[in-house]
Amino acid sequence: MGYLLLAGAIAAEVAATTAMKYSEGFSRLLPSLLTALGYLVSFTLLAQTLKTVSVGTAYAIWAGIGTATIATIGVLFLGEGMTAVKAAGIALIILGVVVLNLGGAH
């Protein structure tokens, strides 16, 4: 159940960060409200996750997968460029999450 809550926390954080892009510096009401709500939901779910998943593992997965997902959304939907260095960084984040889980850190 902890990892399901963590997936929800990641999804809410990604939605909030994406909405922040459209808030234009918090000058647009709806994207600004979605940003605040998304982060509230994300932190609430992350806190619930910590009841069953170690803090180091949960935070690493939350931050790593969230960062990789936002970088991918930026490239695919927001017109941001993809360089070899950026692709390698995303791959290393994903690899790090896999190693954490395979290494028994949870």
PDB file of N, CA and C in Angstrom:
ATOM      1  N   MET A   1       0.818  -1.197   0.000  1.00  0.00           N
ATOM      2  CA  MET A   1       0.000   0.000   0.000  1.00  0.00           C
ATOM      3  C   MET A   1       0.863   1.263   0.000  1.00  0.00           C
ATOM      4  N   GLY A   2       2.026   1.191   0.657  1.00  0.00           N
ATOM      5  CA  GLY A   2       2.917   2.342   0.723  1.00  0.00           C
ATOM      6  C   GLY A   2       3.356   2.823  -0.641  1.00  0.00           C
ATOM      7  N   TYR A   3       3.671   1.874  -1.513  1.00  0.00           N
ATOM      8  CA  TYR A   3       4.138   2.260  -2.848  1.00  0.00           C
ATOM      9  C   TYR A   3       3.001   2.797  -3.715  1.00  0.00           C
ATOM     10  N   LEU A   4       1.780   2.379  -3.449  1.00  0.00           N
ATOM     11  CA  LEU A   4       0.628   2.938  -4.156  1.00  0.00           C
ATOM     12  C   LEU A   4       0.420   4.393  -3.732  1.00  0.00           C
ATOM     13  N   LEU A   5       0.538   4.659  -2.442  1.00  0.00           N
ATOM     14  CA  LEU A   5       0.457   6.032  -1.950  1.00  0.00           C
ATOM     15  C   LEU A   5       1.595   6.880  -2.517  1.00  0.00           C
ATOM     16  N   LEU A   6       2.773   6.292  -2.612  1.00  0.00           N
ATOM     17  CA  LEU A   6       3.922   7.000  -3.168  1.00  0.00           C
ATOM     18  C   LEU A   6       3.684   7.348  -4.633  1.00  0.00           C
ATOM     19  N   ALA A   7       3.099   6.428  -5.384  1.00  0.00           N
ATOM     20  CA  ALA A   7       2.778   6.716  -6.793  1.00  0.00           C
ATOM     21  C   ALA A   7       1.799   7.881  -6.889  1.00  0.00           C
ATOM     22  N   GLY A   8       0.823   7.920  -5.998  1.00  0.00           N
ATOM     23  CA  GLY A   8      -0.110   9.048  -5.973  1.00  0.00           C
ATOM     24  C   GLY A   8       0.584  10.348  -5.621  1.00  0.00           C
ATOM     25  N   ALA A   9       1.519  10.294  -4.677  1.00  0.00           N
ATOM     26  CA  ALA A   9       2.279  11.485  -4.294  1.00  0.00           C
ATOM     27  C   ALA A   9       3.104  12.003  -5.467  1.00  0.00           C
ATOM     28  N   ILE A  10       3.687  11.094  -6.212  1.00  0.00           N
ATOM     29  CA  ILE A  10       4.485  11.479  -7.383  1.00  0.00           C
ATOM     30  C   ILE A  10       3.590  12.100  -8.439  1.00  0.00           C
ATOM     31  N   ALA A  11       2.438  11.476  -8.709  1.00  0.00           N
ATOM     32  CA  ALA A  11       1.512  11.999  -9.717  1.00  0.00           C
ATOM     33  C   ALA A  11       1.025  13.397  -9.336  1.00  0.00           C
ATOM     34  N   ALA A  12       0.705  13.596  -8.066  1.00  0.00           N
ATOM     35  CA  ALA A  12       0.237  14.906  -7.617  1.00  0.00           C
ATOM     36  C   ALA A  12       1.344  15.953  -7.727  1.00  0.00           C
ATOM     37  N   GLU A  13       2.567  15.572  -7.405  1.00  0.00           N
ATOM     38  CA  GLU A  13       3.696  16.511  -7.506  1.00  0.00           C
ATOM     39  C   GLU A  13       3.963  16.886  -8.951  1.00  0.00           C
ATOM     40  N   VAL A  14       3.895  15.913  -9.851  1.00  0.00           N
ATOM     41  CA  VAL A  14       4.113  16.180 -11.276  1.00  0.00           C
ATOM     42  C   VAL A  14       3.004  17.093 -11.815  1.00  0.00           C
ATOM     43  N   ALA A  15       1.758  16.833 -11.427  1.00  0.00           N
ATOM     44  CA  ALA A  15       0.642  17.680 -11.854  1.00  0.00           C
ATOM     45  C   ALA A  15       0.816  19.100 -11.325  1.00  0.00           C
ATOM     46  N   ALA A  16       1.233  19.225 -10.069  1.00  0.00           N
ATOM     47  CA  ALA A  16       1.428  20.544  -9.467  1.00  0.00           C
ATOM     48  C   ALA A  16       2.542  21.318 -10.159  1.00  0.00           C
ATOM     49  N   THR A  17       3.632  20.652 -10.454  1.00  0.00           N
ATOM     50  CA  THR A  17       4.754  21.318 -11.111  1.00  0.00           C
ATOM     51  C   THR A  17       4.381  21.730 -12.532  1.00  0.00           C
ATOM     52  N   THR A  18       3.642  20.875 -13.214  1.00  0.00           N
ATOM     53  CA  THR A  18       3.180  21.219 -14.562  1.00  0.00           C
ATOM     54  C   THR A  18       2.229  22.412 -14.510  1.00  0.00           C
ATOM     55  N   ALA A  19       1.308  22.418 -13.550  1.00  0.00           N
ATOM     56  CA  ALA A  19       0.392  23.554 -13.397  1.00  0.00           C
ATOM     57  C   ALA A  19       1.159  24.832 -13.088  1.00  0.00           C
ATOM     58  N   MET A  20       2.257  24.704 -12.316  1.00  0.00           N
ATOM     59  CA  MET A  20       3.047  25.878 -11.983  1.00  0.00           C
ATOM     60  C   MET A  20       3.613  26.531 -13.237  1.00  0.00           C
ATOM     61  N   LYS A  21       3.989  25.722 -14.207  1.00  0.00           N
ATOM     62  CA  LYS A  21       4.503  26.248 -15.469  1.00  0.00           C
ATOM     63  C   LYS A  21       3.463  27.169 -16.125  1.00  0.00           C
ATOM     64  N   TYR A  22       2.190  26.781 -16.015  1.00  0.00           N
ATOM     65  CA  TYR A  22       1.105  27.537 -16.641  1.00  0.00           C
ATOM     66  C   TYR A  22       0.559  28.657 -15.751  1.00  0.00           C
ATOM     67  N   SER A  23       1.031  28.762 -14.519  1.00  0.00           N
ATOM     68  CA  SER A  23       0.531  29.797 -13.612  1.00  0.00           C
ATOM     69  C   SER A  23       1.104  31.178 -13.924  1.00  0.00           C
ATOM     70  N   GLU A  24       2.136  31.216 -14.759  1.00  0.00           N
ATOM     71  CA  GLU A  24       2.805  32.467 -15.133  1.00  0.00           C
ATOM     72  C   GLU A  24       3.183  33.285 -13.892  1.00  0.00           C
ATOM     73  N   GLY A  25       3.979  32.639 -13.045  1.00  0.00           N
ATOM     74  CA  GLY A  25       4.447  33.313 -11.833  1.00  0.00           C
ATOM     75  C   GLY A  25       3.331  33.540 -10.828  1.00  0.00           C
ATOM     76  N   PHE A  26       2.390  32.621 -10.780  1.00  0.00           N
ATOM     77  CA  PHE A  26       1.221  32.690  -9.901  1.00  0.00           C
ATOM     78  C   PHE A  26       0.333  33.893 -10.204  1.00  0.00           C
ATOM     79  N   SER A  27       0.328  34.326 -11.450  1.00  0.00           N
ATOM     80  CA  SER A  27      -0.540  35.438 -11.839  1.00  0.00           C
ATOM     81  C   SER A  27      -1.857  34.949 -12.455  1.00  0.00           C
ATOM     82  N   ARG A  28      -1.965  33.650 -12.731  1.00  0.00           N
ATOM     83  CA  ARG A  28      -3.199  33.061 -13.244  1.00  0.00           C
ATOM     84  C   ARG A  28      -3.800  32.195 -12.142  1.00  0.00           C
ATOM     85  N   LEU A  29      -5.080  32.449 -11.836  1.00  0.00           N
ATOM     86  CA  LEU A  29      -5.710  31.846 -10.666  1.00  0.00           C
ATOM     87  C   LEU A  29      -5.818  30.329 -10.739  1.00  0.00           C
ATOM     88  N   LEU A  30      -6.411  29.772 -11.786  1.00  0.00           N
ATOM     89  CA  LEU A  30      -6.663  28.332 -11.819  1.00  0.00           C
ATOM     90  C   LEU A  30      -5.377  27.501 -11.761  1.00  0.00           C
ATOM     91  N   PRO A  31      -4.379  27.793 -12.602  1.00  0.00           N
ATOM     92  CA  PRO A  31      -3.136  27.010 -12.475  1.00  0.00           C
ATOM     93  C   PRO A  31      -2.461  27.194 -11.117  1.00  0.00           C
ATOM     94  N   SER A  32      -2.592  28.371 -10.522  1.00  0.00           N
ATOM     95  CA  SER A  32      -2.005  28.616  -9.201  1.00  0.00           C
ATOM     96  C   SER A  32      -2.696  27.768  -8.138  1.00  0.00           C
ATOM     97  N   LEU A  33      -4.022  27.695  -8.202  1.00  0.00           N
ATOM     98  CA  LEU A  33      -4.766  26.868  -7.260  1.00  0.00           C
ATOM     99  C   LEU A  33      -4.445  25.383  -7.450  1.00  0.00           C
ATOM    100  N   LEU A  34      -4.329  24.958  -8.711  1.00  0.00           N
ATOM    101  CA  LEU A  34      -3.972  23.561  -8.986  1.00  0.00           C
ATOM    102  C   LEU A  34      -2.580  23.236  -8.458  1.00  0.00           C
ATOM    103  N   THR A  35      -1.667  24.196  -8.549  1.00  0.00           N
ATOM    104  CA  THR A  35      -0.322  24.003  -8.012  1.00  0.00           C
ATOM    105  C   THR A  35      -0.372  23.785  -6.503  1.00  0.00           C
ATOM    106  N   ALA A  36      -1.067  24.667  -5.808  1.00  0.00           N
ATOM    107  CA  ALA A  36      -1.161  24.556  -4.349  1.00  0.00           C
ATOM    108  C   ALA A  36      -1.847  23.251  -3.935  1.00  0.00           C
ATOM    109  N   LEU A  37      -2.937  22.929  -4.595  1.00  0.00           N
ATOM    110  CA  LEU A  37      -3.663  21.702  -4.271  1.00  0.00           C
ATOM    111  C   LEU A  37      -2.802  20.466  -4.553  1.00  0.00           C
ATOM    112  N   GLY A  38      -2.116  20.471  -5.683  1.00  0.00           N
ATOM    113  CA  GLY A  38      -1.269  19.340  -6.052  1.00  0.00           C
ATOM    114  C   GLY A  38      -0.164  19.088  -5.033  1.00  0.00           C
ATOM    115  N   TYR A  39       0.481  20.165  -4.589  1.00  0.00           N
ATOM    116  CA  TYR A  39       1.543  19.988  -3.601  1.00  0.00           C
ATOM    117  C   TYR A  39       0.981  19.568  -2.248  1.00  0.00           C
ATOM    118  N   LEU A  40      -0.187  20.078  -1.884  1.00  0.00           N
ATOM    119  CA  LEU A  40      -0.824  19.658  -0.630  1.00  0.00           C
ATOM    120  C   LEU A  40      -1.130  18.161  -0.658  1.00  0.00           C
ATOM    121  N   VAL A  41      -1.714  17.701  -1.748  1.00  0.00           N
ATOM    122  CA  VAL A  41      -2.018  16.269  -1.895  1.00  0.00           C
ATOM    123  C   VAL A  41      -0.729  15.455  -1.912  1.00  0.00           C
ATOM    124  N   SER A  42       0.271  15.938  -2.640  1.00  0.00           N
ATOM    125  CA  SER A  42       1.532  15.208  -2.743  1.00  0.00           C
ATOM    126  C   SER A  42       2.193  15.021  -1.380  1.00  0.00           C
ATOM    127  N   PHE A  43       2.297  16.102  -0.609  1.00  0.00           N
ATOM    128  CA  PHE A  43       2.945  15.996   0.700  1.00  0.00           C
ATOM    129  C   PHE A  43       2.121  15.151   1.671  1.00  0.00           C
ATOM    130  N   THR A  44       0.805  15.240   1.564  1.00  0.00           N
ATOM    131  CA  THR A  44      -0.047  14.413   2.424  1.00  0.00           C
ATOM    132  C   THR A  44       0.163  12.933   2.122  1.00  0.00           C
ATOM    133  N   LEU A  45       0.163  12.585   0.841  1.00  0.00           N
ATOM    134  CA  LEU A  45       0.376  11.182   0.467  1.00  0.00           C
ATOM    135  C   LEU A  45       1.790  10.719   0.798  1.00  0.00           C
ATOM    136  N   LEU A  46       2.765  11.598   0.617  1.00  0.00           N
ATOM    137  CA  LEU A  46       4.142  11.246   0.967  1.00  0.00           C
ATOM    138  C   LEU A  46       4.249  10.979   2.471  1.00  0.00           C
ATOM    139  N   ALA A  47       3.599  11.793   3.268  1.00  0.00           N
ATOM    140  CA  ALA A  47       3.622  11.584   4.715  1.00  0.00           C
ATOM    141  C   ALA A  47       2.999  10.239   5.090  1.00  0.00           C
ATOM    142  N   GLN A  48       1.921   9.870   4.415  1.00  0.00           N
ATOM    143  CA  GLN A  48       1.288   8.577   4.682  1.00  0.00           C
ATOM    144  C   GLN A  48       2.192   7.425   4.241  1.00  0.00           C
ATOM    145  N   THR A  49       2.913   7.640   3.146  1.00  0.00           N
ATOM    146  CA  THR A  49       3.849   6.635   2.648  1.00  0.00           C
ATOM    147  C   THR A  49       4.907   6.304   3.695  1.00  0.00           C
ATOM    148  N   LEU A  50       5.338   7.317   4.429  1.00  0.00           N
ATOM    149  CA  LEU A  50       6.424   7.135   5.394  1.00  0.00           C
ATOM    150  C   LEU A  50       6.046   6.260   6.571  1.00  0.00           C
ATOM    151  N   LYS A  51       4.777   5.905   6.679  1.00  0.00           N
ATOM    152  CA  LYS A  51       4.370   4.966   7.722  1.00  0.00           C
ATOM    153  C   LYS A  51       4.861   3.556   7.419  1.00  0.00           C
ATOM    154  N   THR A  52       5.065   3.239   6.128  1.00  0.00           N
ATOM    155  CA  THR A  52       5.443   1.874   5.754  1.00  0.00           C
ATOM    156  C   THR A  52       6.705   1.775   4.909  1.00  0.00           C
ATOM    157  N   VAL A  53       7.195   2.884   4.387  1.00  0.00           N
ATOM    158  CA  VAL A  53       8.394   2.875   3.540  1.00  0.00           C
ATOM    159  C   VAL A  53       9.437   3.765   4.209  1.00  0.00           C
ATOM    160  N   SER A  54      10.691   3.340   4.207  1.00  0.00           N
ATOM    161  CA  SER A  54      11.737   4.143   4.852  1.00  0.00           C
ATOM    162  C   SER A  54      11.850   5.509   4.177  1.00  0.00           C
ATOM    163  N   VAL A  55      12.185   6.504   4.982  1.00  0.00           N
ATOM    164  CA  VAL A  55      12.208   7.883   4.489  1.00  0.00           C
ATOM    165  C   VAL A  55      13.221   8.075   3.360  1.00  0.00           C
ATOM    166  N   GLY A  56      14.387   7.454   3.470  1.00  0.00           N
ATOM    167  CA  GLY A  56      15.399   7.609   2.424  1.00  0.00           C
ATOM    168  C   GLY A  56      14.941   7.050   1.088  1.00  0.00           C
ATOM    169  N   THR A  57      14.348   5.885   1.129  1.00  0.00           N
ATOM    170  CA  THR A  57      13.856   5.255  -0.095  1.00  0.00           C
ATOM    171  C   THR A  57      12.677   6.024  -0.659  1.00  0.00           C
ATOM    172  N   ALA A  58      11.709   6.365   0.182  1.00  0.00           N
ATOM    173  CA  ALA A  58      10.515   7.065  -0.296  1.00  0.00           C
ATOM    174  C   ALA A  58      10.876   8.409  -0.907  1.00  0.00           C
ATOM    175  N   TYR A  59      11.720   9.167  -0.231  1.00  0.00           N
ATOM    176  CA  TYR A  59      12.073  10.488  -0.741  1.00  0.00           C
ATOM    177  C   TYR A  59      12.890  10.384  -2.029  1.00  0.00           C
ATOM    178  N   ALA A  60      13.803   9.442  -2.085  1.00  0.00           N
ATOM    179  CA  ALA A  60      14.606   9.273  -3.299  1.00  0.00           C
ATOM    180  C   ALA A  60      13.723   8.917  -4.491  1.00  0.00           C
ATOM    181  N   ILE A  61      12.779   8.029  -4.282  1.00  0.00           N
ATOM    182  CA  ILE A  61      11.877   7.639  -5.371  1.00  0.00           C
ATOM    183  C   ILE A  61      10.979   8.811  -5.744  1.00  0.00           C
ATOM    184  N   TRP A  62      10.408   9.490  -4.757  1.00  0.00           N
ATOM    185  CA  TRP A  62       9.515  10.625  -5.000  1.00  0.00           C
ATOM    186  C   TRP A  62      10.230  11.728  -5.785  1.00  0.00           C
ATOM    187  N   ALA A  63      11.396  12.102  -5.316  1.00  0.00           N
ATOM    188  CA  ALA A  63      12.139  13.178  -5.972  1.00  0.00           C
ATOM    189  C   ALA A  63      12.690  12.737  -7.324  1.00  0.00           C
ATOM    190  N   GLY A  64      13.235  11.531  -7.382  1.00  0.00           N
ATOM    191  CA  GLY A  64      13.865  11.057  -8.616  1.00  0.00           C
ATOM    192  C   GLY A  64      12.878  10.832  -9.739  1.00  0.00           C
ATOM    193  N   ILE A  65      11.820  10.090  -9.460  1.00  0.00           N
ATOM    194  CA  ILE A  65      10.834   9.816 -10.506  1.00  0.00           C
ATOM    195  C   ILE A  65      10.093  11.099 -10.873  1.00  0.00           C
ATOM    196  N   GLY A  66       9.804  11.935  -9.881  1.00  0.00           N
ATOM    197  CA  GLY A  66       9.164  13.217 -10.177  1.00  0.00           C
ATOM    198  C   GLY A  66      10.020  14.076 -11.086  1.00  0.00           C
ATOM    199  N   THR A  67      11.301  14.173 -10.788  1.00  0.00           N
ATOM    200  CA  THR A  67      12.225  14.964 -11.612  1.00  0.00           C
ATOM    201  C   THR A  67      12.332  14.405 -13.021  1.00  0.00           C
ATOM    202  N   ALA A  68      12.500  13.102 -13.139  1.00  0.00           N
ATOM    203  CA  ALA A  68      12.608  12.484 -14.464  1.00  0.00           C
ATOM    204  C   ALA A  68      11.321  12.674 -15.263  1.00  0.00           C
ATOM    205  N   THR A  69      10.177  12.555 -14.610  1.00  0.00           N
ATOM    206  CA  THR A  69       8.903  12.719 -15.300  1.00  0.00           C
ATOM    207  C   THR A  69       8.707  14.155 -15.767  1.00  0.00           C
ATOM    208  N   ILE A  70       9.022  15.113 -14.912  1.00  0.00           N
ATOM    209  CA  ILE A  70       8.892  16.525 -15.298  1.00  0.00           C
ATOM    210  C   ILE A  70       9.843  16.857 -16.443  1.00  0.00           C
ATOM    211  N   ALA A  71      11.063  16.352 -16.398  1.00  0.00           N
ATOM    212  CA  ALA A  71      12.006  16.594 -17.494  1.00  0.00           C
ATOM    213  C   ALA A  71      11.470  16.011 -18.796  1.00  0.00           C
ATOM    214  N   THR A  72      10.871  14.837 -18.731  1.00  0.00           N
ATOM    215  CA  THR A  72      10.301  14.199 -19.922  1.00  0.00           C
ATOM    216  C   THR A  72       9.107  14.991 -20.442  1.00  0.00           C
ATOM    217  N   ILE A  73       8.237  15.452 -19.546  1.00  0.00           N
ATOM    218  CA  ILE A  73       7.097  16.278 -19.964  1.00  0.00           C
ATOM    219  C   ILE A  73       7.593  17.556 -20.623  1.00  0.00           C
ATOM    220  N   GLY A  74       8.637  18.148 -20.069  1.00  0.00           N
ATOM    221  CA  GLY A  74       9.207  19.356 -20.664  1.00  0.00           C
ATOM    222  C   GLY A  74       9.661  19.129 -22.091  1.00  0.00           C
ATOM    223  N   VAL A  75      10.291  18.005 -22.334  1.00  0.00           N
ATOM    224  CA  VAL A  75      10.778  17.694 -23.679  1.00  0.00           C
ATOM    225  C   VAL A  75       9.624  17.364 -24.619  1.00  0.00           C
ATOM    226  N   LEU A  76       8.699  16.516 -24.164  1.00  0.00           N
ATOM    227  CA  LEU A  76       7.638  16.033 -25.046  1.00  0.00           C
ATOM    228  C   LEU A  76       6.536  17.056 -25.308  1.00  0.00           C
ATOM    229  N   PHE A  77       6.206  17.872 -24.295  1.00  0.00           N
ATOM    230  CA  PHE A  77       5.029  18.722 -24.424  1.00  0.00           C
ATOM    231  C   PHE A  77       5.292  20.221 -24.300  1.00  0.00           C
ATOM    232  N   LEU A  78       6.424  20.610 -23.765  1.00  0.00           N
ATOM    233  CA  LEU A  78       6.673  22.028 -23.516  1.00  0.00           C
ATOM    234  C   LEU A  78       7.796  22.607 -24.372  1.00  0.00           C
ATOM    235  N   GLY A  79       8.256  21.842 -25.323  1.00  0.00           N
ATOM    236  CA  GLY A  79       9.243  22.348 -26.269  1.00  0.00           C
ATOM    237  C   GLY A  79      10.640  22.520 -25.726  1.00  0.00           C
ATOM    238  N   GLU A  80      10.968  21.875 -24.627  1.00  0.00           N
ATOM    239  CA  GLU A  80      12.318  21.963 -24.094  1.00  0.00           C
ATOM    240  C   GLU A  80      13.231  21.013 -24.866  1.00  0.00           C
ATOM    241  N   GLY A  81      14.475  21.369 -24.973  1.00  0.00           N
ATOM    242  CA  GLY A  81      15.417  20.550 -25.720  1.00  0.00           C
ATOM    243  C   GLY A  81      15.900  19.339 -24.939  1.00  0.00           C
ATOM    244  N   MET A  82      16.315  18.325 -25.694  1.00  0.00           N
ATOM    245  CA  MET A  82      16.901  17.117 -25.085  1.00  0.00           C
ATOM    246  C   MET A  82      18.330  17.007 -25.582  1.00  0.00           C
ATOM    247  N   THR A  83      19.251  16.986 -24.654  1.00  0.00           N
ATOM    248  CA  THR A  83      20.655  16.792 -24.994  1.00  0.00           C
ATOM    249  C   THR A  83      21.073  15.417 -24.486  1.00  0.00           C
ATOM    250  N   ALA A  84      22.220  14.988 -24.918  1.00  0.00           N
ATOM    251  CA  ALA A  84      22.743  13.711 -24.442  1.00  0.00           C
ATOM    252  C   ALA A  84      22.975  13.757 -22.937  1.00  0.00           C
ATOM    253  N   VAL A  85      23.424  14.885 -22.442  1.00  0.00           N
ATOM    254  CA  VAL A  85      23.674  15.029 -21.003  1.00  0.00           C
ATOM    255  C   VAL A  85      22.362  14.948 -20.228  1.00  0.00           C
ATOM    256  N   LYS A  86      21.315  15.611 -20.722  1.00  0.00           N
ATOM    257  CA  LYS A  86      20.012  15.559 -20.053  1.00  0.00           C
ATOM    258  C   LYS A  86      19.464  14.132 -20.067  1.00  0.00           C
ATOM    259  N   ALA A  87      19.570  13.455 -21.197  1.00  0.00           N
ATOM    260  CA  ALA A  87      19.096  12.065 -21.297  1.00  0.00           C
ATOM    261  C   ALA A  87      19.871  11.158 -20.346  1.00  0.00           C
ATOM    262  N   ALA A  88      21.171  11.366 -20.254  1.00  0.00           N
ATOM    263  CA  ALA A  88      21.992  10.565 -19.341  1.00  0.00           C
ATOM    264  C   ALA A  88      21.596  10.829 -17.888  1.00  0.00           C
ATOM    265  N   GLY A  89      21.320  12.075 -17.565  1.00  0.00           N
ATOM    266  CA  GLY A  89      20.902  12.414 -16.210  1.00  0.00           C
ATOM    267  C   GLY A  89      19.594  11.742 -15.836  1.00  0.00           C
ATOM    268  N   ILE A  90      18.626  11.769 -16.753  1.00  0.00           N
ATOM    269  CA  ILE A  90      17.341  11.105 -16.501  1.00  0.00           C
ATOM    270  C   ILE A  90      17.559   9.604 -16.329  1.00  0.00           C
ATOM    271  N   ALA A  91      18.385   9.015 -17.176  1.00  0.00           N
ATOM    272  CA  ALA A  91      18.667   7.578 -17.076  1.00  0.00           C
ATOM    273  C   ALA A  91      19.330   7.240 -15.743  1.00  0.00           C
ATOM    274  N   LEU A  92      20.236   8.086 -15.276  1.00  0.00           N
ATOM    275  CA  LEU A  92      20.899   7.845 -13.992  1.00  0.00           C
ATOM    276  C   LEU A  92      19.915   7.949 -12.829  1.00  0.00           C
ATOM    277  N   ILE A  93      18.972   8.879 -12.917  1.00  0.00           N
ATOM    278  CA  ILE A  93      17.949   8.981 -11.867  1.00  0.00           C
ATOM    279  C   ILE A  93      17.149   7.688 -11.797  1.00  0.00           C
ATOM    280  N   ILE A  94      16.692   7.223 -12.942  1.00  0.00           N
ATOM    281  CA  ILE A  94      15.899   5.992 -12.988  1.00  0.00           C
ATOM    282  C   ILE A  94      16.727   4.809 -12.497  1.00  0.00           C
ATOM    283  N   LEU A  95      17.969   4.720 -12.927  1.00  0.00           N
ATOM    284  CA  LEU A  95      18.846   3.654 -12.474  1.00  0.00           C
ATOM    285  C   LEU A  95      19.030   3.702 -10.957  1.00  0.00           C
ATOM    286  N   GLY A  96      19.177   4.896 -10.413  1.00  0.00           N
ATOM    287  CA  GLY A  96      19.331   5.030  -8.970  1.00  0.00           C
ATOM    288  C   GLY A  96      18.120   4.534  -8.200  1.00  0.00           C
ATOM    289  N   VAL A  97      16.929   4.817  -8.709  1.00  0.00           N
ATOM    290  CA  VAL A  97      15.712   4.331  -8.066  1.00  0.00           C
ATOM    291  C   VAL A  97      15.643   2.809  -8.130  1.00  0.00           C
ATOM    292  N   VAL A  98      16.002   2.257  -9.262  1.00  0.00           N
ATOM    293  CA  VAL A  98      16.010   0.797  -9.404  1.00  0.00           C
ATOM    294  C   VAL A  98      16.999   0.172  -8.425  1.00  0.00           C
ATOM    295  N   VAL A  99      18.189   0.735  -8.339  1.00  0.00           N
ATOM    296  CA  VAL A  99      19.210   0.195  -7.429  1.00  0.00           C
ATOM    297  C   VAL A  99      18.744   0.288  -5.975  1.00  0.00           C
ATOM    298  N   LEU A 100      18.119   1.402  -5.608  1.00  0.00           N
ATOM    299  CA  LEU A 100      17.587   1.514  -4.249  1.00  0.00           C
ATOM    300  C   LEU A 100      16.614   0.390  -3.933  1.00  0.00           C
ATOM    301  N   ASN A 101      15.744   0.084  -4.874  1.00  0.00           N
ATOM    302  CA  ASN A 101      14.732  -0.951  -4.640  1.00  0.00           C
ATOM    303  C   ASN A 101      15.325  -2.350  -4.675  1.00  0.00           C
ATOM    304  N   LEU A 102      16.249  -2.595  -5.564  1.00  0.00           N
ATOM    305  CA  LEU A 102      16.875  -3.918  -5.640  1.00  0.00           C
ATOM    306  C   LEU A 102      17.845  -4.155  -4.493  1.00  0.00           C
ATOM    307  N   GLY A 103      18.407  -3.078  -3.981  1.00  0.00           N
ATOM    308  CA  GLY A 103      19.406  -3.177  -2.923  1.00  0.00           C
ATOM    309  C   GLY A 103      18.821  -3.405  -1.542  1.00  0.00           C
ATOM    310  N   GLY A 104      17.510  -3.481  -1.454  1.00  0.00           N
ATOM    311  CA  GLY A 104      16.886  -3.762  -0.172  1.00  0.00           C
ATOM    312  C   GLY A 104      16.834  -2.561   0.752  1.00  0.00           C
ATOM    313  N   ALA A 105      16.915  -1.342   0.198  1.00  0.00           N
ATOM    314  CA  ALA A 105      16.860  -0.159   1.049  1.00  0.00           C
ATOM    315  C   ALA A 105      15.487   0.048   1.654  1.00  0.00           C
ATOM    316  N   HIS A 106      14.486  -0.619   1.134  1.00  0.00           N
ATOM    317  CA  HIS A 106      13.134  -0.453   1.668  1.00  0.00           C
ATOM    318  C   HIS A 106      12.849  -1.546   2.659  1.00  0.00           C
TER     319      HIS A 106
END
